[in-house]
Every structure is written in structure tokens, then in C-alpha cells.
Amino acid sequence: MAETTMQPRENCLLGLLPKAEYEAVVAHLEPCATPRGYVIVPADAAIEHAYFPCSGVGSVINISPEGNRVEAGLFGRDGFAPVAAAIGASISVPEVAVQVPGFAYRLRQSALLDLMKTQPFFAALLHKAAHVLATQAGFTALSNAVHEIDERLARWILMCHDRIDGNELALTHEFIALMLAVRRPSVTTALHLLEGYRFIRSVRGMVIVRNRAGLEDFAADAYGKAEDEYERLIGPLRKPKRGLIDVPIPRPV
């Protein structure tokens, strides 16, 4: 489906709304393309809109006073961002930016807060989504502390894979290194390891998932707890496990 024809219900949260609440929310939505690098809100900047992605993947990025950056959370059509908008926060502490291009609907924060007062199912979903993102951030911190880079990379690829159609992720080594807060050579080595096991292919700024089941087994306890919580509170998230996928390597035009 072309991005310009995507409907708000293709965002999982909006798609769960009862008809009356869905119509009330949709009346205030504005369609918005979200290319790679699109900044939903800069760090320490005023929150103007909440975004509900229908495709693509975004990151919540913490930035230290010295300028060091690390991804604290990842979201796509499963959620919304920035989650601070739902509590009436005027400022976003982290940067929220798009890493895999897509399409979203956005809602002015003032309208969001008004709708949360009158649409209880909508408000409850936003609270659940905010909780799940916080849970994910906690397990990201745990993974950064206890897992090797190859396991962390496997987890991160799985999380991105859950939020896209198909098996191709347009991701560069440089961007992955930034998100995982490691040096680029470490990412290259980890990608080669996963490719050697035939879990993925890595080609010219693209990661292709070939063996979902194998990738999950390799990630082990680095992946799954936050996904369990999302599925317990909101609905399906993870893609089904599959065997080896015969995906041809894209050739340059």
C-alpha cells in the first residue's frame, strides 16, 4: 500500500479504538511523511505534536551534555511519540527521530490532551503504550550492561523487524553504531557474525532478515520481555518465527 493512502487505523493504537472514539480522534489528525532523519522533536525542545506512525521506525535518543548519544527506545506503528505528550509535558528531554522512513498521522498536543479527557479508551491505550515503551527502555539498559554486541544487535534487528512489512531494513552501519553506542567496526564484525550464521544478509545499507527463528534463538534473553508486556496489555507485536527465507540480494541500479 502506498504511504499516501495509509489510513490512521494502520497505527495499532488507533486501529484498536471503538468506532466513536476512532472518529473523534481522526477528526483532529494530520497526515505526515516521515523520511529518514526526520526529527519529531529535538532534545530539550517544546512538544507540539504527538505522532502515530503507520509505517517506518523511530528512535528515542538520549543525549548527554557532552553530546554523546544512545538510543533508549524504539517505536513504530505499535505506538506513538513522544510519550511525554500524553502527560502534558511541555518539553521533550530526549530527541525523537525517524530511522526507517515511513508515514504517520500527527495530533497537536492540545487536541491530544482534550481527547484524553473525553475518550477513555484512547487515554487508556496511550497510558499502556507509554508504560510499554518505558519497559522496553529498561530492558535496553539491561541489555547494554550484560549482553555482547552481537546479541544486542540481534535484539535490535528483531525489534525493527517487528515494526515493518517484509524483511528488508534500510539501515547503515554508521546508524546502527550510533543507536547501539558502539564503534562502527564492532557493528561490522557483529553483522558478519550474524550473516555467517545465515540469520541475515547485510548489503549496501540494508539488513535483510533471513532466519527469524534463528535470530530469536541467538538473541536469547536479550529479546522478548518488553514484547511480552506489549502483547499482554495491547495486542500482537512480534512477527511469527519462520525458517530460512530465500531473499535475493538487491542489485544496484
Protein backbone atom coordinates (compact mmCIF):
# COMPACT_ATOMS: atom_id res chain seq x y z
CA MET A 1 0.00 0.00 0.00
CA ALA A 2 1.35 3.40 -0.89
CA GLU A 3 2.14 5.59 2.06
CA THR A 4 -0.13 8.38 0.83
CA THR A 5 -3.15 6.06 1.04
CA MET A 6 -2.41 4.73 4.51
CA GLN A 7 -5.30 5.05 6.93
CA PRO A 8 -4.97 6.05 10.61
CA ARG A 9 -6.16 2.59 11.70
CA GLU A 10 -2.88 1.17 10.35
CA ASN A 11 -1.36 2.51 13.53
CA CYS A 12 -2.03 -0.28 16.03
CA LEU A 13 -3.26 2.02 18.78
CA LEU A 14 -5.66 3.94 16.56
CA GLY A 15 -6.82 0.70 14.99
CA LEU A 16 -7.96 -0.62 18.37
CA LEU A 17 -10.25 2.33 19.09
CA PRO A 18 -14.02 1.79 19.16
CA LYS A 19 -15.77 3.40 16.19
CA ALA A 20 -17.00 6.51 18.02
CA GLU A 21 -13.61 7.21 19.61
CA TYR A 22 -11.79 6.49 16.35
CA GLU A 23 -13.93 9.03 14.52
CA ALA A 24 -13.41 11.61 17.29
CA VAL A 25 -9.62 11.22 17.12
CA VAL A 26 -9.36 11.02 13.33
CA ALA A 27 -11.12 14.37 13.00
CA HIS A 28 -8.02 16.03 14.50
CA LEU A 29 -5.28 14.07 12.69
CA GLU A 30 -2.90 15.49 10.09
CA PRO A 31 -1.07 13.17 7.63
CA CYS A 32 2.71 13.50 7.63
CA ALA A 33 5.51 11.82 5.66
CA THR A 34 8.42 10.84 7.91
CA PRO A 35 11.62 10.45 5.88
CA ARG A 36 14.80 9.07 7.40
CA GLY A 37 16.30 11.61 9.76
CA TYR A 38 13.00 13.42 10.31
CA VAL A 39 13.09 14.89 13.81
CA ILE A 40 9.73 14.51 15.54
CA VAL A 41 11.01 16.63 18.39
CA PRO A 42 14.57 17.80 19.20
CA ALA A 43 16.08 17.19 22.63
CA ASP A 44 15.00 19.74 25.24
CA ALA A 45 12.52 21.30 22.80
CA ALA A 46 8.84 22.13 23.06
CA ILE A 47 6.40 19.35 22.24
CA GLU A 48 3.94 20.47 19.58
CA HIS A 49 2.55 17.20 18.19
CA ALA A 50 2.19 13.53 19.01
CA TYR A 51 2.92 11.23 16.05
CA PHE A 52 1.13 7.95 15.33
CA PRO A 53 3.24 6.04 12.76
CA CYS A 54 1.59 3.79 10.19
CA SER A 55 4.95 2.67 8.81
CA GLY A 56 8.63 3.27 9.48
CA VAL A 57 10.61 3.09 12.71
CA GLY A 58 11.60 5.85 15.11
CA SER A 59 14.03 6.15 17.99
CA VAL A 60 14.03 7.86 21.34
CA ILE A 61 17.59 9.15 21.72
CA ASN A 62 19.16 10.35 24.96
CA ILE A 63 21.90 12.95 24.54
CA SER A 64 24.42 13.78 27.26
CA PRO A 65 25.61 17.36 27.95
CA GLU A 66 28.85 16.43 26.12
CA GLY A 67 26.87 15.30 23.06
CA ASN A 68 27.10 11.53 23.49
CA ARG A 69 24.04 9.81 22.02
CA VAL A 70 22.35 6.47 22.66
CA GLU A 71 19.02 5.00 21.72
CA ALA A 72 16.78 4.45 24.74
CA GLY A 73 13.65 3.29 22.94
CA LEU A 74 12.30 2.22 19.58
CA PHE A 75 8.77 2.52 18.20
CA GLY A 76 6.76 2.23 15.01
CA ARG A 77 3.15 1.51 14.15
CA ASP A 78 2.84 -0.18 17.54
CA GLY A 79 2.85 3.13 19.41
CA PHE A 80 3.15 6.90 19.38
CA ALA A 81 5.74 9.54 20.22
CA PRO A 82 6.77 11.47 22.14
CA VAL A 83 5.01 9.70 25.00
CA ALA A 84 5.60 12.75 27.23
CA ALA A 85 2.89 14.49 25.19
CA ALA A 86 0.27 12.31 26.89
CA ILE A 87 1.05 13.67 30.36
CA GLY A 88 1.02 17.29 29.26
CA ALA A 89 4.79 17.75 29.42
CA SER A 90 5.77 20.93 27.60
CA ILE A 91 9.37 19.80 26.85
CA SER A 92 10.81 16.55 25.47
CA VAL A 93 14.05 15.65 27.23
CA PRO A 94 15.17 13.09 24.60
CA GLU A 95 15.34 13.62 20.87
CA VAL A 96 12.78 11.62 18.91
CA ALA A 97 13.77 10.92 15.30
CA VAL A 98 12.96 8.61 12.39
CA GLN A 99 15.47 5.92 11.45
CA VAL A 100 13.43 3.91 8.90
CA PRO A 101 11.32 6.17 6.64
CA GLY A 102 7.57 5.89 6.71
CA PHE A 103 4.28 7.70 7.14
CA ALA A 104 2.42 8.92 10.20
CA TYR A 105 -0.54 10.91 11.42
CA ARG A 106 0.11 13.64 13.93
CA LEU A 107 -2.07 15.32 16.51
CA ARG A 108 -1.48 18.65 18.22
CA GLN A 109 -0.69 18.14 21.88
CA SER A 110 -3.53 20.41 22.97
CA ALA A 111 -6.01 18.30 20.98
CA LEU A 112 -4.44 15.11 22.34
CA LEU A 113 -4.96 16.21 25.94
CA ASP A 114 -8.53 17.31 25.23
CA LEU A 115 -9.32 13.95 23.59
CA MET A 116 -7.83 12.04 26.51
CA LYS A 117 -10.36 13.75 28.79
CA THR A 118 -13.35 12.74 26.66
CA GLN A 119 -12.25 9.44 25.05
CA PRO A 120 -11.41 6.98 27.86
CA PHE A 121 -10.36 4.03 25.70
CA PHE A 122 -7.96 6.30 23.78
CA ALA A 123 -6.48 7.62 27.02
CA ALA A 124 -6.03 4.11 28.40
CA LEU A 125 -4.24 2.94 25.26
CA LEU A 126 -1.81 5.86 25.39
CA HIS A 127 -1.03 5.15 29.04
CA LYS A 128 -0.39 1.48 28.22
CA ALA A 129 1.83 2.36 25.26
CA ALA A 130 3.85 4.77 27.41
CA HIS A 131 4.30 2.06 30.04
CA VAL A 132 5.44 -0.48 27.46
CA LEU A 133 7.99 1.95 25.99
CA ALA A 134 9.36 2.56 29.49
CA THR A 135 9.58 -1.22 29.98
CA GLN A 136 11.44 -1.54 26.69
CA ALA A 137 13.86 1.23 27.74
CA GLY A 138 14.57 -0.61 30.97
CA PHE A 139 15.44 -3.80 29.12
CA THR A 140 17.57 -1.83 26.68
CA ALA A 141 19.61 -0.57 29.64
CA LEU A 142 19.89 -4.14 30.95
CA SER A 143 20.95 -5.45 27.55
CA ASN A 144 23.57 -2.72 27.16
CA ALA A 145 25.03 -3.76 30.51
CA VAL A 146 25.05 -7.56 30.24
CA HIS A 147 24.96 -8.66 26.59
CA GLU A 148 27.63 -8.78 23.93
CA ILE A 149 27.31 -6.53 20.88
CA ASP A 150 26.20 -9.40 18.60
CA GLU A 151 23.31 -10.31 20.93
CA ARG A 152 22.33 -6.65 21.28
CA LEU A 153 22.40 -6.26 17.51
CA ALA A 154 20.23 -9.35 17.08
CA ARG A 155 17.73 -7.89 19.56
CA TRP A 156 17.68 -4.55 17.79
CA ILE A 157 17.17 -6.11 14.34
CA LEU A 158 14.29 -8.19 15.71
CA MET A 159 12.67 -5.09 17.22
CA CYS A 160 12.91 -3.24 13.90
CA HIS A 161 11.67 -6.32 12.02
CA ASP A 162 8.56 -6.44 14.22
CA ARG A 163 7.60 -2.95 13.10
CA ILE A 164 7.95 -3.20 9.31
CA ASP A 165 6.34 -5.09 6.44
CA GLY A 166 8.63 -7.56 4.74
CA ASN A 167 12.18 -8.44 5.72
CA GLU A 168 14.32 -5.55 4.44
CA LEU A 169 15.64 -2.88 6.82
CA ALA A 170 17.31 0.15 5.25
CA LEU A 171 19.99 0.68 7.90
CA THR A 172 23.60 1.78 7.55
CA HIS A 173 26.47 0.58 9.72
CA GLU A 174 27.00 4.14 10.91
CA PHE A 175 23.43 4.48 12.09
CA ILE A 176 23.42 1.12 13.86
CA ALA A 177 26.65 2.07 15.64
CA LEU A 178 25.06 5.32 16.81
CA MET A 179 21.95 3.58 18.08
CA LEU A 180 23.90 0.90 19.94
CA ALA A 181 26.54 3.36 21.21
CA VAL A 182 29.44 1.31 19.84
CA ARG A 183 32.16 1.88 17.25
CA ARG A 184 31.34 1.13 13.62
CA PRO A 185 33.94 -1.70 13.34
CA SER A 186 32.12 -3.50 16.18
CA VAL A 187 28.87 -3.31 14.22
CA THR A 188 30.57 -4.59 11.06
CA THR A 189 32.02 -7.55 12.95
CA ALA A 190 28.66 -8.37 14.59
CA LEU A 191 26.83 -8.13 11.25
CA HIS A 192 29.34 -10.50 9.67
CA LEU A 193 28.80 -12.97 12.52
CA LEU A 194 25.01 -12.92 12.12
CA GLU A 195 25.43 -13.19 8.36
CA GLY A 196 27.76 -16.15 8.79
CA TYR A 197 25.01 -17.97 10.68
CA ARG A 198 22.65 -17.10 7.77
CA PHE A 199 20.30 -15.19 10.07
CA ILE A 200 20.61 -12.03 7.95
CA ARG A 201 22.17 -10.56 4.85
CA SER A 202 23.88 -7.17 5.03
CA VAL A 203 24.09 -5.39 1.68
CA ARG A 204 24.80 -1.71 0.86
CA GLY A 205 23.00 -0.03 3.72
CA MET A 206 20.38 -2.74 4.05
CA VAL A 207 19.87 -5.58 6.52
CA ILE A 208 17.68 -8.45 5.29
CA VAL A 209 16.24 -10.87 7.86
CA ARG A 210 16.54 -14.41 6.50
CA ASN A 211 16.01 -16.66 9.51
CA ARG A 212 13.75 -15.11 12.15
CA ALA A 213 13.68 -18.21 14.34
CA GLY A 214 17.46 -18.47 14.37
CA LEU A 215 17.84 -14.78 15.15
CA GLU A 216 15.46 -15.07 18.11
CA ASP A 217 17.29 -18.11 19.43
CA PHE A 218 20.61 -16.28 19.13
CA ALA A 219 19.30 -13.16 20.90
CA ALA A 220 18.15 -15.42 23.76
CA ASP A 221 17.09 -13.39 26.83
CA ALA A 222 18.09 -10.09 25.23
CA TYR A 223 14.74 -10.08 23.41
CA GLY A 224 11.18 -10.84 24.44
CA LYS A 225 10.24 -9.39 27.82
CA ALA A 226 9.13 -5.97 26.58
CA GLU A 227 7.36 -7.67 23.68
CA ASP A 228 5.53 -9.92 26.14
CA GLU A 229 4.33 -6.84 28.02
CA TYR A 230 3.09 -5.13 24.86
CA GLU A 231 1.15 -8.21 23.81
CA ARG A 232 -0.28 -8.68 27.30
CA LEU A 233 -1.58 -5.10 27.51
CA ILE A 234 -2.24 -4.05 23.90
CA GLY A 235 -2.09 -6.74 21.24
CA PRO A 236 0.10 -8.64 18.74
CA LEU A 237 3.54 -7.23 18.02
CA ARG A 238 6.05 -9.93 17.12
CA LYS A 239 6.30 -11.46 13.70
CA PRO A 240 5.93 -15.24 13.59
CA LYS A 241 9.06 -17.34 13.55
CA ARG A 242 9.94 -18.66 10.13
CA GLY A 243 12.69 -20.76 8.67
CA LEU A 244 15.25 -19.67 6.10
CA ILE A 245 13.89 -17.10 3.68
CA ASP A 246 15.25 -17.21 0.16
CA VAL A 247 15.68 -13.47 -0.38
CA PRO A 248 17.68 -12.35 -3.43
CA ILE A 249 20.38 -9.77 -2.77
CA PRO A 250 19.27 -6.38 -4.16
CA ARG A 251 21.45 -5.27 -7.06
CA PRO A 252 22.45 -1.64 -7.60
CA VAL A 253 20.53 0.05 -10.39
